[in-house]
PDB file of N, CA and C in Angstrom:
ATOM      1  N   MET A   1       2.764  45.332 -18.393  1.00  0.00           N
ATOM      2  CA  MET A   1       4.021  44.010 -17.560  1.00  0.00           C
ATOM      3  C   MET A   1       5.310  43.792 -17.821  1.00  0.00           C
ATOM      4  N   LYS A   2       5.886  44.029 -17.441  1.00  0.00           N
ATOM      5  CA  LYS A   2       7.677  43.274 -18.340  1.00  0.00           C
ATOM      6  C   LYS A   2       8.107  41.671 -18.475  1.00  0.00           C
ATOM      7  N   PHE A   3       7.575  40.956 -18.830  1.00  0.00           N
ATOM      8  CA  PHE A   3       7.814  39.925 -19.289  1.00  0.00           C
ATOM      9  C   PHE A   3       9.390  39.602 -19.964  1.00  0.00           C
ATOM     10  N   LYS A   4      10.009  38.309 -19.252  1.00  0.00           N
ATOM     11  CA  LYS A   4      11.216  37.958 -19.833  1.00  0.00           C
ATOM     12  C   LYS A   4      10.757  36.860 -21.523  1.00  0.00           C
ATOM     13  N   VAL A   5      12.059  37.899 -21.830  1.00  0.00           N
ATOM     14  CA  VAL A   5      11.412  36.875 -23.569  1.00  0.00           C
ATOM     15  C   VAL A   5      12.454  35.868 -23.798  1.00  0.00           C
ATOM     16  N   THR A   6      11.934  34.405 -24.405  1.00  0.00           N
ATOM     17  CA  THR A   6      13.177  33.718 -24.989  1.00  0.00           C
ATOM     18  C   THR A   6      12.602  33.131 -26.287  1.00  0.00           C
ATOM     19  N   ARG A   7      13.312  32.153 -26.807  1.00  0.00           N
ATOM     20  CA  ARG A   7      12.920  31.620 -28.479  1.00  0.00           C
ATOM     21  C   ARG A   7      13.567  30.393 -28.033  1.00  0.00           C
ATOM     22  N   THR A   8      13.017  29.636 -28.168  1.00  0.00           N
ATOM     23  CA  THR A   8      13.191  28.367 -28.833  1.00  0.00           C
ATOM     24  C   THR A   8      14.057  27.980 -29.485  1.00  0.00           C
ATOM     25  N   SER A   9      13.879  28.103 -30.931  1.00  0.00           N
ATOM     26  CA  SER A   9      15.600  28.245 -31.167  1.00  0.00           C
ATOM     27  C   SER A   9      16.426  29.077 -30.946  1.00  0.00           C
ATOM     28  N   VAL A  10      16.561  29.812 -30.289  1.00  0.00           N
ATOM     29  CA  VAL A  10      17.708  30.817 -30.451  1.00  0.00           C
ATOM     30  C   VAL A  10      18.806  30.217 -28.896  1.00  0.00           C
ATOM     31  N   TRP A  11      19.821  29.847 -29.308  1.00  0.00           N
ATOM     32  CA  TRP A  11      21.210  29.119 -28.486  1.00  0.00           C
ATOM     33  C   TRP A  11      21.398  30.535 -27.749  1.00  0.00           C
ATOM     34  N   GLU A  12      21.793  30.686 -28.313  1.00  0.00           N
ATOM     35  CA  GLU A  12      23.321  31.892 -27.910  1.00  0.00           C
ATOM     36  C   GLU A  12      22.621  33.455 -27.459  1.00  0.00           C
ATOM     37  N   ASP A  13      23.342  34.132 -27.070  1.00  0.00           N
ATOM     38  CA  ASP A  13      23.070  35.720 -26.827  1.00  0.00           C
ATOM     39  C   ASP A  13      22.656  36.225 -27.498  1.00  0.00           C
ATOM     40  N   LYS A  14      21.540  35.708 -28.028  1.00  0.00           N
ATOM     41  CA  LYS A  14      20.585  37.088 -29.493  1.00  0.00           C
ATOM     42  C   LYS A  14      19.381  37.353 -28.743  1.00  0.00           C
ATOM     43  N   SER A  15      19.041  38.415 -29.384  1.00  0.00           N
ATOM     44  CA  SER A  15      18.015  38.458 -28.924  1.00  0.00           C
ATOM     45  C   SER A  15      16.918  38.184 -29.731  1.00  0.00           C
ATOM     46  N   PRO A  16      15.265  38.393 -28.785  1.00  0.00           N
ATOM     47  CA  PRO A  16      14.431  36.157 -29.399  1.00  0.00           C
ATOM     48  C   PRO A  16      14.124  37.616 -30.070  1.00  0.00           C
ATOM     49  N   CYS A  17      13.470  39.046 -30.669  1.00  0.00           N
ATOM     50  CA  CYS A  17      12.391  39.517 -31.182  1.00  0.00           C
ATOM     51  C   CYS A  17      13.417  40.854 -31.442  1.00  0.00           C
ATOM     52  N   LYS A  18      12.288  41.113 -32.158  1.00  0.00           N
ATOM     53  CA  LYS A  18      12.541  43.173 -32.520  1.00  0.00           C
ATOM     54  C   LYS A  18      12.167  43.696 -31.137  1.00  0.00           C
ATOM     55  N   GLU A  19      11.158  43.557 -30.407  1.00  0.00           N
ATOM     56  CA  GLU A  19      10.630  44.394 -29.083  1.00  0.00           C
ATOM     57  C   GLU A  19      11.367  44.276 -28.498  1.00  0.00           C
ATOM     58  N   ALA A  20      12.093  42.682 -28.437  1.00  0.00           N
ATOM     59  CA  ALA A  20      13.539  42.975 -26.558  1.00  0.00           C
ATOM     60  C   ALA A  20      13.942  43.986 -26.526  1.00  0.00           C
ATOM     61  N   ILE A  21      14.191  44.163 -25.570  1.00  0.00           N
ATOM     62  CA  ILE A  21      14.759  45.130 -24.864  1.00  0.00           C
ATOM     63  C   ILE A  21      16.276  44.135 -24.007  1.00  0.00           C
ATOM     64  N   PRO A  22      17.471  44.379 -24.502  1.00  0.00           N
ATOM     65  CA  PRO A  22      18.400  43.507 -23.102  1.00  0.00           C
ATOM     66  C   PRO A  22      18.590  44.042 -21.552  1.00  0.00           C
ATOM     67  N   VAL A  23      18.639  43.288 -21.437  1.00  0.00           N
ATOM     68  CA  VAL A  23      18.353  43.943 -19.468  1.00  0.00           C
ATOM     69  C   VAL A  23      20.180  42.914 -18.860  1.00  0.00           C
ATOM     70  N   THR A  24      21.262  43.470 -19.220  1.00  0.00           N
ATOM     71  CA  THR A  24      22.779  43.125 -18.183  1.00  0.00           C
ATOM     72  C   THR A  24      22.682  43.469 -17.068  1.00  0.00           C
ATOM     73  N   SER A  25      22.929  42.136 -16.574  1.00  0.00           N
ATOM     74  CA  SER A  25      23.987  42.180 -15.404  1.00  0.00           C
ATOM     75  C   SER A  25      25.421  41.716 -15.304  1.00  0.00           C
ATOM     76  N   GLU A  26      26.162  42.470 -14.675  1.00  0.00           N
ATOM     77  CA  GLU A  26      27.716  42.569 -14.724  1.00  0.00           C
ATOM     78  C   GLU A  26      27.776  41.067 -13.495  1.00  0.00           C
ATOM     79  N   PHE A  27      27.247  40.448 -13.079  1.00  0.00           N
ATOM     80  CA  PHE A  27      27.337  38.707 -12.509  1.00  0.00           C
ATOM     81  C   PHE A  27      25.784  38.560 -12.860  1.00  0.00           C
ATOM     82  N   LEU A  28      26.071  36.744 -12.313  1.00  0.00           N
ATOM     83  CA  LEU A  28      25.171  36.142 -12.595  1.00  0.00           C
ATOM     84  C   LEU A  28      24.596  35.795 -11.184  1.00  0.00           C
ATOM     85  N   ARG A  29      23.959  34.450 -10.628  1.00  0.00           N
ATOM     86  CA  ARG A  29      23.205  33.642  -9.366  1.00  0.00           C
ATOM     87  C   ARG A  29      23.437  32.694 -10.236  1.00  0.00           C
ATOM     88  N   ASP A  30      23.959  31.271  -9.338  1.00  0.00           N
ATOM     89  CA  ASP A  30      23.755  30.315 -10.204  1.00  0.00           C
ATOM     90  C   ASP A  30      23.614  29.147  -8.858  1.00  0.00           C
ATOM     91  N   ILE A  31      21.981  29.205  -8.884  1.00  0.00           N
ATOM     92  CA  ILE A  31      21.088  28.900  -8.001  1.00  0.00           C
ATOM     93  C   ILE A  31      21.070  26.962  -8.000  1.00  0.00           C
ATOM     94  N   ARG A  32      20.513  27.049  -6.631  1.00  0.00           N
ATOM     95  CA  ARG A  32      20.641  24.986  -6.853  1.00  0.00           C
ATOM     96  C   ARG A  32      19.566  24.793  -6.056  1.00  0.00           C
ATOM     97  N   THR A  33      19.277  23.780  -5.643  1.00  0.00           N
ATOM     98  CA  THR A  33      17.771  22.945  -5.541  1.00  0.00           C
ATOM     99  C   THR A  33      17.852  22.575  -4.285  1.00  0.00           C
ATOM    100  N   PHE A  34      19.500  22.891  -3.603  1.00  0.00           N
ATOM    101  CA  PHE A  34      20.051  21.559  -2.256  1.00  0.00           C
ATOM    102  C   PHE A  34      18.683  22.797  -0.985  1.00  0.00           C
ATOM    103  N   LYS A  35      19.432  21.616   0.180  1.00  0.00           N
ATOM    104  CA  LYS A  35      18.691  22.690   1.157  1.00  0.00           C
ATOM    105  C   LYS A  35      19.380  23.828   1.466  1.00  0.00           C
ATOM    106  N   ASN A  36      20.849  23.605   1.533  1.00  0.00           N
ATOM    107  CA  ASN A  36      21.824  25.287   2.024  1.00  0.00           C
ATOM    108  C   ASN A  36      22.852  24.746   1.275  1.00  0.00           C
ATOM    109  N   LYS A  37      23.651  26.086   1.524  1.00  0.00           N
ATOM    110  CA  LYS A  37      24.988  26.185   1.008  1.00  0.00           C
ATOM    111  C   LYS A  37      25.848  24.867   1.515  1.00  0.00           C
ATOM    112  N   GLU A  38      25.323  24.080   2.736  1.00  0.00           N
ATOM    113  CA  GLU A  38      26.323  23.194   3.462  1.00  0.00           C
ATOM    114  C   GLU A  38      26.464  21.568   2.382  1.00  0.00           C
ATOM    115  N   GLU A  39      24.960  21.821   2.337  1.00  0.00           N
ATOM    116  CA  GLU A  39      24.874  20.128   1.741  1.00  0.00           C
ATOM    117  C   GLU A  39      25.103  20.287  -0.101  1.00  0.00           C
ATOM    118  N   TRP A  40      25.258  21.869  -0.892  1.00  0.00           N
ATOM    119  CA  TRP A  40      25.167  21.665  -1.952  1.00  0.00           C
ATOM    120  C   TRP A  40      27.074  21.351  -1.737  1.00  0.00           C
ATOM    121  N   LEU A  41      27.904  21.541  -0.785  1.00  0.00           N
ATOM    122  CA  LEU A  41      29.344  21.710  -0.852  1.00  0.00           C
ATOM    123  C   LEU A  41      30.161  20.877  -0.511  1.00  0.00           C
ATOM    124  N   SER A  42      29.092  20.256   0.452  1.00  0.00           N
ATOM    125  CA  SER A  42      29.062  18.771   0.533  1.00  0.00           C
ATOM    126  C   SER A  42      29.114  17.306  -0.566  1.00  0.00           C
ATOM    127  N   LYS A  43      27.940  17.881  -2.064  1.00  0.00           N
ATOM    128  CA  LYS A  43      28.660  17.018  -2.857  1.00  0.00           C
ATOM    129  C   LYS A  43      29.059  17.525  -4.184  1.00  0.00           C
ATOM    130  N   PHE A  44      29.803  19.209  -4.120  1.00  0.00           N
ATOM    131  CA  PHE A  44      30.255  20.136  -4.898  1.00  0.00           C
ATOM    132  C   PHE A  44      31.248  20.884  -4.437  1.00  0.00           C
ATOM    133  N   PRO A  45      32.329  20.198  -3.587  1.00  0.00           N
ATOM    134  CA  PRO A  45      33.124  21.521  -2.569  1.00  0.00           C
ATOM    135  C   PRO A  45      33.855  21.924  -3.724  1.00  0.00           C
ATOM    136  N   ARG A  46      34.008  22.157  -5.093  1.00  0.00           N
ATOM    137  CA  ARG A  46      34.563  23.040  -5.804  1.00  0.00           C
ATOM    138  C   ARG A  46      33.923  23.991  -6.676  1.00  0.00           C
ATOM    139  N   ASP A  47      32.216  23.974  -5.954  1.00  0.00           N
ATOM    140  CA  ASP A  47      31.910  25.150  -6.032  1.00  0.00           C
ATOM    141  C   ASP A  47      31.976  25.856  -5.634  1.00  0.00           C
ATOM    142  N   ALA A  48      32.725  26.097  -4.287  1.00  0.00           N
ATOM    143  CA  ALA A  48      32.922  27.291  -3.211  1.00  0.00           C
ATOM    144  C   ALA A  48      34.148  28.091  -4.042  1.00  0.00           C
ATOM    145  N   GLU A  49      34.560  28.237  -5.223  1.00  0.00           N
ATOM    146  CA  GLU A  49      35.345  28.705  -6.178  1.00  0.00           C
ATOM    147  C   GLU A  49      34.998  29.016  -7.544  1.00  0.00           C
ATOM    148  N   PHE A  50      34.603  30.179  -7.844  1.00  0.00           N
ATOM    149  CA  PHE A  50      35.096  29.723  -9.817  1.00  0.00           C
ATOM    150  C   PHE A  50      36.095  31.262 -10.126  1.00  0.00           C
ATOM    151  N   ASP A  51      36.476  30.702 -11.440  1.00  0.00           N
ATOM    152  CA  ASP A  51      37.711  31.109 -11.542  1.00  0.00           C
ATOM    153  C   ASP A  51      39.427  31.031 -11.149  1.00  0.00           C
ATOM    154  N   GLY A  52      39.054  30.607  -9.918  1.00  0.00           N
ATOM    155  CA  GLY A  52      40.176  30.934  -9.363  1.00  0.00           C
ATOM    156  C   GLY A  52      39.688  31.995  -7.589  1.00  0.00           C
ATOM    157  N   GLU A  53      38.594  32.296  -7.749  1.00  0.00           N
ATOM    158  CA  GLU A  53      38.071  33.274  -6.592  1.00  0.00           C
ATOM    159  C   GLU A  53      36.966  32.112  -5.765  1.00  0.00           C
ATOM    160  N   PRO A  54      37.112  32.901  -4.552  1.00  0.00           N
ATOM    161  CA  PRO A  54      36.007  32.116  -3.533  1.00  0.00           C
ATOM    162  C   PRO A  54      34.752  32.857  -3.870  1.00  0.00           C
ATOM    163  N   CYS A  55      33.103  32.040  -3.938  1.00  0.00           N
ATOM    164  CA  CYS A  55      32.025  32.244  -4.118  1.00  0.00           C
ATOM    165  C   CYS A  55      30.829  33.254  -3.110  1.00  0.00           C
ATOM    166  N   GLU A  56      31.094  34.353  -3.481  1.00  0.00           N
ATOM    167  CA  GLU A  56      30.138  34.612  -1.824  1.00  0.00           C
ATOM    168  C   GLU A  56      28.574  33.474  -2.620  1.00  0.00           C
ATOM    169  N   PHE A  57      27.934  33.358  -1.860  1.00  0.00           N
ATOM    170  CA  PHE A  57      27.182  32.420  -1.246  1.00  0.00           C
ATOM    171  C   PHE A  57      25.499  33.137  -0.752  1.00  0.00           C
ATOM    172  N   GLY A  58      23.941  33.386  -1.180  1.00  0.00           N
ATOM    173  CA  GLY A  58      23.199  33.659  -0.596  1.00  0.00           C
ATOM    174  C   GLY A  58      22.223  32.283  -0.562  1.00  0.00           C
ATOM    175  N   VAL A  59      20.599  33.198  -0.103  1.00  0.00           N
ATOM    176  CA  VAL A  59      19.705  32.272  -0.253  1.00  0.00           C
ATOM    177  C   VAL A  59      18.049  32.989  -1.331  1.00  0.00           C
ATOM    178  N   LEU A  60      17.508  32.532  -1.768  1.00  0.00           N
ATOM    179  CA  LEU A  60      16.925  33.720  -3.238  1.00  0.00           C
ATOM    180  C   LEU A  60      15.512  32.989  -2.807  1.00  0.00           C
ATOM    181  N   ASP A  61      14.587  32.820  -2.333  1.00  0.00           N
ATOM    182  CA  ASP A  61      13.271  32.076  -2.382  1.00  0.00           C
ATOM    183  C   ASP A  61      13.486  31.104  -1.898  1.00  0.00           C
ATOM    184  N   GLY A  62      13.953  30.734  -0.838  1.00  0.00           N
ATOM    185  CA  GLY A  62      14.611  29.341   0.120  1.00  0.00           C
ATOM    186  C   GLY A  62      15.444  28.686  -0.698  1.00  0.00           C
ATOM    187  N   ARG A  63      16.509  28.903  -1.772  1.00  0.00           N
ATOM    188  CA  ARG A  63      17.170  27.947  -2.725  1.00  0.00           C
ATOM    189  C   ARG A  63      18.712  28.606  -2.608  1.00  0.00           C
ATOM    190  N   PRO A  64      19.557  28.099  -1.992  1.00  0.00           N
ATOM    191  CA  PRO A  64      21.055  28.305  -1.952  1.00  0.00           C
ATOM    192  C   PRO A  64      21.287  28.878  -3.254  1.00  0.00           C
ATOM    193  N   PHE A  65      22.036  30.448  -3.585  1.00  0.00           N
ATOM    194  CA  PHE A  65      23.213  30.332  -4.839  1.00  0.00           C
ATOM    195  C   PHE A  65      24.549  30.885  -4.851  1.00  0.00           C
ATOM    196  N   ARG A  66      24.871  30.981  -5.361  1.00  0.00           N
ATOM    197  CA  ARG A  66      26.376  31.484  -5.366  1.00  0.00           C
ATOM    198  C   ARG A  66      26.423  32.650  -6.432  1.00  0.00           C
ATOM    199  N   ILE A  67      27.333  33.346  -6.584  1.00  0.00           N
ATOM    200  CA  ILE A  67      27.538  34.855  -7.437  1.00  0.00           C
ATOM    201  C   ILE A  67      28.773  33.929  -8.524  1.00  0.00           C
ATOM    202  N   LEU A  68      28.232  34.391  -9.872  1.00  0.00           N
ATOM    203  CA  LEU A  68      29.592  33.930 -10.340  1.00  0.00           C
ATOM    204  C   LEU A  68      29.754  34.966 -11.001  1.00  0.00           C
ATOM    205  N   LYS A  69      31.208  36.288 -11.041  1.00  0.00           N
ATOM    206  CA  LYS A  69      31.430  37.717 -12.197  1.00  0.00           C
ATOM    207  C   LYS A  69      31.632  37.025 -12.998  1.00  0.00           C
ATOM    208  N   ARG A  70      30.754  36.890 -14.062  1.00  0.00           N
ATOM    209  CA  ARG A  70      30.557  37.095 -15.671  1.00  0.00           C
ATOM    210  C   ARG A  70      29.289  38.217 -15.693  1.00  0.00           C
ATOM    211  N   PRO A  71      29.226  39.052 -16.870  1.00  0.00           N
ATOM    212  CA  PRO A  71      28.090  39.109 -17.430  1.00  0.00           C
ATOM    213  C   PRO A  71      26.691  37.825 -17.706  1.00  0.00           C
ATOM    214  N   CYS A  72      25.448  38.494 -17.522  1.00  0.00           N
ATOM    215  CA  CYS A  72      24.394  37.495 -18.194  1.00  0.00           C
ATOM    216  C   CYS A  72      23.753  38.953 -18.270  1.00  0.00           C
ATOM    217  N   THR A  73      22.820  38.370 -19.699  1.00  0.00           N
ATOM    218  CA  THR A  73      22.330  38.962 -20.122  1.00  0.00           C
ATOM    219  C   THR A  73      20.935  38.906 -20.716  1.00  0.00           C
ATOM    220  N   ASP A  74      19.284  39.109 -20.542  1.00  0.00           N
ATOM    221  CA  ASP A  74      18.353  38.306 -20.594  1.00  0.00           C
ATOM    222  C   ASP A  74      18.018  39.516 -21.823  1.00  0.00           C
ATOM    223  N   TYR A  75      16.378  39.202 -22.019  1.00  0.00           N
ATOM    224  CA  TYR A  75      15.911  40.157 -22.955  1.00  0.00           C
ATOM    225  C   TYR A  75      14.475  39.882 -21.632  1.00  0.00           C
ATOM    226  N   VAL A  76      13.530  41.585 -22.245  1.00  0.00           N
ATOM    227  CA  VAL A  76      12.128  41.457 -22.183  1.00  0.00           C
ATOM    228  C   VAL A  76      11.604  42.990 -22.831  1.00  0.00           C
ATOM    229  N   VAL A  77      10.113  42.716 -23.135  1.00  0.00           N
ATOM    230  CA  VAL A  77       9.158  42.952 -23.505  1.00  0.00           C
ATOM    231  C   VAL A  77       7.902  43.786 -22.402  1.00  0.00           C
ATOM    232  N   GLU A  78       7.773  44.839 -22.879  1.00  0.00           N
ATOM    233  CA  GLU A  78       6.380  45.302 -22.548  1.00  0.00           C
ATOM    234  C   GLU A  78       5.149  44.535 -22.780  1.00  0.00           C
ATOM    235  N   ILE A  79       4.045  44.134 -22.204  1.00  0.00           N
ATOM    236  CA  ILE A  79       2.475  43.946 -22.578  1.00  0.00           C
ATOM    237  C   ILE A  79       1.927  43.704 -21.498  1.00  0.00           C
ATOM    238  N   ASN A  80       0.533  44.974 -21.889  1.00  0.00           N
ATOM    239  CA  ASN A  80      -0.348  46.037 -20.773  1.00  0.00           C
ATOM    240  C   ASN A  80      -1.070  45.906 -20.661  1.00  0.00           C
ATOM    241  N   THR A  81      -1.452  44.780 -22.295  1.00  0.00           N
ATOM    242  CA  THR A  81      -2.931  44.723 -22.146  1.00  0.00           C
ATOM    243  C   THR A  81      -2.993  43.153 -23.791  1.00  0.00           C
ATOM    244  N   LEU A  82      -4.698  42.841 -23.474  1.00  0.00           N
ATOM    245  CA  LEU A  82      -4.672  41.464 -24.008  1.00  0.00           C
ATOM    246  C   LEU A  82      -4.742  42.160 -25.438  1.00  0.00           C
ATOM    247  N   ASP A  83      -4.459  43.155 -25.934  1.00  0.00           N
ATOM    248  CA  ASP A  83      -4.654  43.833 -27.389  1.00  0.00           C
ATOM    249  C   ASP A  83      -3.224  43.850 -27.646  1.00  0.00           C
ATOM    250  N   ASP A  84      -2.255  44.248 -26.868  1.00  0.00           N
ATOM    251  CA  ASP A  84      -0.722  44.177 -26.679  1.00  0.00           C
ATOM    252  C   ASP A  84      -0.337  42.588 -27.273  1.00  0.00           C
ATOM    253  N   LEU A  85      -0.634  41.403 -25.895  1.00  0.00           N
ATOM    254  CA  LEU A  85      -0.382  40.446 -26.429  1.00  0.00           C
ATOM    255  C   LEU A  85      -0.862  40.141 -27.681  1.00  0.00           C
ATOM    256  N   LEU A  86      -1.917  39.646 -27.825  1.00  0.00           N
ATOM    257  CA  LEU A  86      -1.934  39.073 -29.444  1.00  0.00           C
ATOM    258  C   LEU A  86      -1.245  39.934 -30.678  1.00  0.00           C
ATOM    259  N   GLY A  87      -1.251  40.980 -30.481  1.00  0.00           N
ATOM    260  CA  GLY A  87       0.381  41.764 -31.703  1.00  0.00           C
ATOM    261  C   GLY A  87       1.442  41.193 -31.363  1.00  0.00           C
ATOM    262  N   PHE A  88       1.749  40.885 -30.277  1.00  0.00           N
ATOM    263  CA  PHE A  88       3.038  40.291 -30.504  1.00  0.00           C
ATOM    264  C   PHE A  88       2.765  38.320 -30.797  1.00  0.00           C
ATOM    265  N   ILE A  89       2.072  37.899 -30.496  1.00  0.00           N
ATOM    266  CA  ILE A  89       1.477  36.601 -31.159  1.00  0.00           C
ATOM    267  C   ILE A  89       1.448  36.861 -32.300  1.00  0.00           C
ATOM    268  N   GLU A  90       0.565  37.567 -33.313  1.00  0.00           N
ATOM    269  CA  GLU A  90       0.608  38.159 -34.681  1.00  0.00           C
ATOM    270  C   GLU A  90       1.664  38.409 -35.088  1.00  0.00           C
ATOM    271  N   LYS A  91       2.900  39.306 -34.497  1.00  0.00           N
ATOM    272  CA  LYS A  91       4.376  39.573 -35.193  1.00  0.00           C
ATOM    273  C   LYS A  91       4.975  38.215 -34.859  1.00  0.00           C
ATOM    274  N   ASN A  92       5.178  37.094 -33.924  1.00  0.00           N
ATOM    275  CA  ASN A  92       6.609  36.279 -33.686  1.00  0.00           C
ATOM    276  C   ASN A  92       5.927  35.009 -33.631  1.00  0.00           C
ATOM    277  N   GLY A  93       4.383  34.729 -33.469  1.00  0.00           N
ATOM    278  CA  GLY A  93       4.359  33.448 -34.046  1.00  0.00           C
ATOM    279  C   GLY A  93       3.404  32.708 -32.084  1.00  0.00           C
ATOM    280  N   ARG A  94       3.732  31.272 -31.886  1.00  0.00           N
ATOM    281  CA  ARG A  94       2.838  30.726 -31.444  1.00  0.00           C
ATOM    282  C   ARG A  94       4.373  31.220 -30.056  1.00  0.00           C
ATOM    283  N   ILE A  95       3.052  30.554 -28.566  1.00  0.00           N
ATOM    284  CA  ILE A  95       3.948  31.504 -28.039  1.00  0.00           C
ATOM    285  C   ILE A  95       3.657  30.614 -26.847  1.00  0.00           C
ATOM    286  N   VAL A  96       4.773  30.131 -25.245  1.00  0.00           N
ATOM    287  CA  VAL A  96       3.988  29.610 -24.302  1.00  0.00           C
ATOM    288  C   VAL A  96       4.101  30.445 -22.777  1.00  0.00           C
ATOM    289  N   ILE A  97       3.356  30.390 -21.963  1.00  0.00           N
ATOM    290  CA  ILE A  97       3.882  32.060 -20.927  1.00  0.00           C
ATOM    291  C   ILE A  97       3.636  31.423 -19.991  1.00  0.00           C
ATOM    292  N   GLY A  98       4.549  31.221 -19.074  1.00  0.00           N
ATOM    293  CA  GLY A  98       5.011  30.833 -17.460  1.00  0.00           C
ATOM    294  C   GLY A  98       5.694  31.511 -16.572  1.00  0.00           C
ATOM    295  N   GLY A  99       5.973  30.937 -15.676  1.00  0.00           N
ATOM    296  CA  GLY A  99       6.308  31.604 -14.962  1.00  0.00           C
ATOM    297  C   GLY A  99       8.217  30.984 -15.142  1.00  0.00           C
ATOM    298  N   VAL A 100       8.811  32.540 -14.120  1.00  0.00           N
ATOM    299  CA  VAL A 100      10.426  32.962 -14.896  1.00  0.00           C
ATOM    300  C   VAL A 100      10.851  31.413 -13.856  1.00  0.00           C
ATOM    301  N   GLY A 101      11.194  30.433 -14.536  1.00  0.00           N
ATOM    302  CA  GLY A 101      12.096  29.490 -13.557  1.00  0.00           C
ATOM    303  C   GLY A 101      13.305  29.561 -13.231  1.00  0.00           C
ATOM    304  N   GLY A 102      13.966  30.726 -13.787  1.00  0.00           N
ATOM    305  CA  GLY A 102      14.594  30.837 -12.486  1.00  0.00           C
ATOM    306  C   GLY A 102      15.585  32.396 -12.626  1.00  0.00           C
ATOM    307  N   LYS A 103      16.272  32.566 -11.445  1.00  0.00           N
ATOM    308  CA  LYS A 103      15.957  34.162 -11.826  1.00  0.00           C
ATOM    309  C   LYS A 103      17.449  34.618 -11.450  1.00  0.00           C
ATOM    310  N   SER A 104      18.434  34.307 -12.320  1.00  0.00           N
ATOM    311  CA  SER A 104      19.568  34.018 -12.375  1.00  0.00           C
ATOM    312  C   SER A 104      20.620  35.555 -12.702  1.00  0.00           C
ATOM    313  N   ASN A 105      19.622  36.428 -13.233  1.00  0.00           N
ATOM    314  CA  ASN A 105      19.488  37.845 -13.458  1.00  0.00           C
ATOM    315  C   ASN A 105      19.415  38.915 -12.375  1.00  0.00           C
ATOM    316  N   PRO A 106      20.366  38.866 -12.100  1.00  0.00           N
ATOM    317  CA  PRO A 106      19.937  39.942 -10.370  1.00  0.00           C
ATOM    318  C   PRO A 106      19.188  41.612 -11.073  1.00  0.00           C
ATOM    319  N   ALA A 107      20.016  41.626 -12.273  1.00  0.00           N
ATOM    320  CA  ALA A 107      18.980  42.756 -12.901  1.00  0.00           C
ATOM    321  C   ALA A 107      17.481  42.500 -14.124  1.00  0.00           C
ATOM    322  N   MET A 108      17.056  41.095 -13.565  1.00  0.00           N
ATOM    323  CA  MET A 108      15.814  40.963 -13.947  1.00  0.00           C
ATOM    324  C   MET A 108      14.382  40.704 -12.507  1.00  0.00           C
ATOM    325  N   ASP A 109      15.105  40.470 -11.247  1.00  0.00           N
ATOM    326  CA  ASP A 109      14.516  40.710 -10.225  1.00  0.00           C
ATOM    327  C   ASP A 109      13.374  41.678 -10.025  1.00  0.00           C
ATOM    328  N   GLY A 110      11.974  41.019  -9.901  1.00  0.00           N
ATOM    329  CA  GLY A 110      11.360  41.825 -10.339  1.00  0.00           C
ATOM    330  C   GLY A 110      10.167  41.513 -11.726  1.00  0.00           C
ATOM    331  N   VAL A 111      10.624  40.617 -12.406  1.00  0.00           N
ATOM    332  CA  VAL A 111      10.442  40.083 -13.502  1.00  0.00           C
ATOM    333  C   VAL A 111       9.580  38.842 -13.496  1.00  0.00           C
ATOM    334  N   ASP A 112       8.724  38.561 -13.040  1.00  0.00           N
ATOM    335  CA  ASP A 112       8.244  37.252 -12.297  1.00  0.00           C
ATOM    336  C   ASP A 112       7.403  35.980 -13.877  1.00  0.00           C
ATOM    337  N   TYR A 113       7.160  36.783 -15.008  1.00  0.00           N
ATOM    338  CA  TYR A 113       6.866  36.052 -16.082  1.00  0.00           C
ATOM    339  C   TYR A 113       7.409  35.635 -17.077  1.00  0.00           C
ATOM    340  N   GLU A 114       7.657  34.621 -18.040  1.00  0.00           N
ATOM    341  CA  GLU A 114       8.236  34.043 -18.808  1.00  0.00           C
ATOM    342  C   GLU A 114       6.768  34.436 -20.254  1.00  0.00           C
ATOM    343  N   ILE A 115       7.940  34.451 -21.331  1.00  0.00           N
ATOM    344  CA  ILE A 115       7.041  34.233 -22.955  1.00  0.00           C
ATOM    345  C   ILE A 115       8.003  33.421 -23.492  1.00  0.00           C
ATOM    346  N   GLU A 116       7.821  32.336 -23.777  1.00  0.00           N
ATOM    347  CA  GLU A 116       8.893  31.987 -24.568  1.00  0.00           C
ATOM    348  C   GLU A 116       8.160  31.669 -26.671  1.00  0.00           C
ATOM    349  N   ILE A 117       8.769  32.187 -27.315  1.00  0.00           N
ATOM    350  CA  ILE A 117       8.081  32.014 -28.952  1.00  0.00           C
ATOM    351  C   ILE A 117       8.859  30.747 -29.815  1.00  0.00           C
ATOM    352  N   TYR A 118       7.869  30.073 -29.289  1.00  0.00           N
ATOM    353  CA  TYR A 118       7.828  28.429 -29.478  1.00  0.00           C
ATOM    354  C   TYR A 118       8.271  28.623 -31.103  1.00  0.00           C
ATOM    355  N   ASP A 119       9.235  28.187 -31.795  1.00  0.00           N
ATOM    356  CA  ASP A 119       9.611  28.361 -32.820  1.00  0.00           C
ATOM    357  C   ASP A 119      10.523  27.008 -33.540  1.00  0.00           C
ATOM    358  N   ASP A 120      10.231  26.144 -32.712  1.00  0.00           N
ATOM    359  CA  ASP A 120      11.157  25.076 -32.119  1.00  0.00           C
ATOM    360  C   ASP A 120      10.783  24.320 -31.678  1.00  0.00           C
ATOM    361  N   TRP A 121      10.908  22.580 -31.978  1.00  0.00           N
ATOM    362  CA  TRP A 121      10.611  21.908 -31.158  1.00  0.00           C
ATOM    363  C   TRP A 121      11.786  21.491 -30.607  1.00  0.00           C
ATOM    364  N   ARG A 122      10.867  21.331 -28.772  1.00  0.00           N
ATOM    365  CA  ARG A 122      12.161  20.689 -27.696  1.00  0.00           C
ATOM    366  C   ARG A 122      11.717  19.880 -26.859  1.00  0.00           C
ATOM    367  N   GLU A 123      12.107  19.124 -26.320  1.00  0.00           N
ATOM    368  CA  GLU A 123      11.712  18.115 -25.343  1.00  0.00           C
ATOM    369  C   GLU A 123      11.429  19.341 -23.968  1.00  0.00           C
TER     370      GLU A 123
END
């Protein structure tokens, strides 16, 4: 099973661990919690464009998104058994497992869970 993997202490586009495989898309989805595109643009009309170009809009899981034409990279690890998971923890330390919060990288569609290597404090 593939998991998106992040590291609490890594804020730049850098691999969170040795096992991580980069997954890149040429664009990203800017997903919001508005009811629809019309509500979004009524509050933020400038969001209709990005870098001077009109944005494409869509809906994913009932939430509106716009396409931003810039590369987006996430990282995945393959973990198929409990032993794989325990080995990952032994190599990388404490982890938090949960559902993927946003699906901004279209190349990550189908990756529904995330592992955060919790090596720093955050709120």
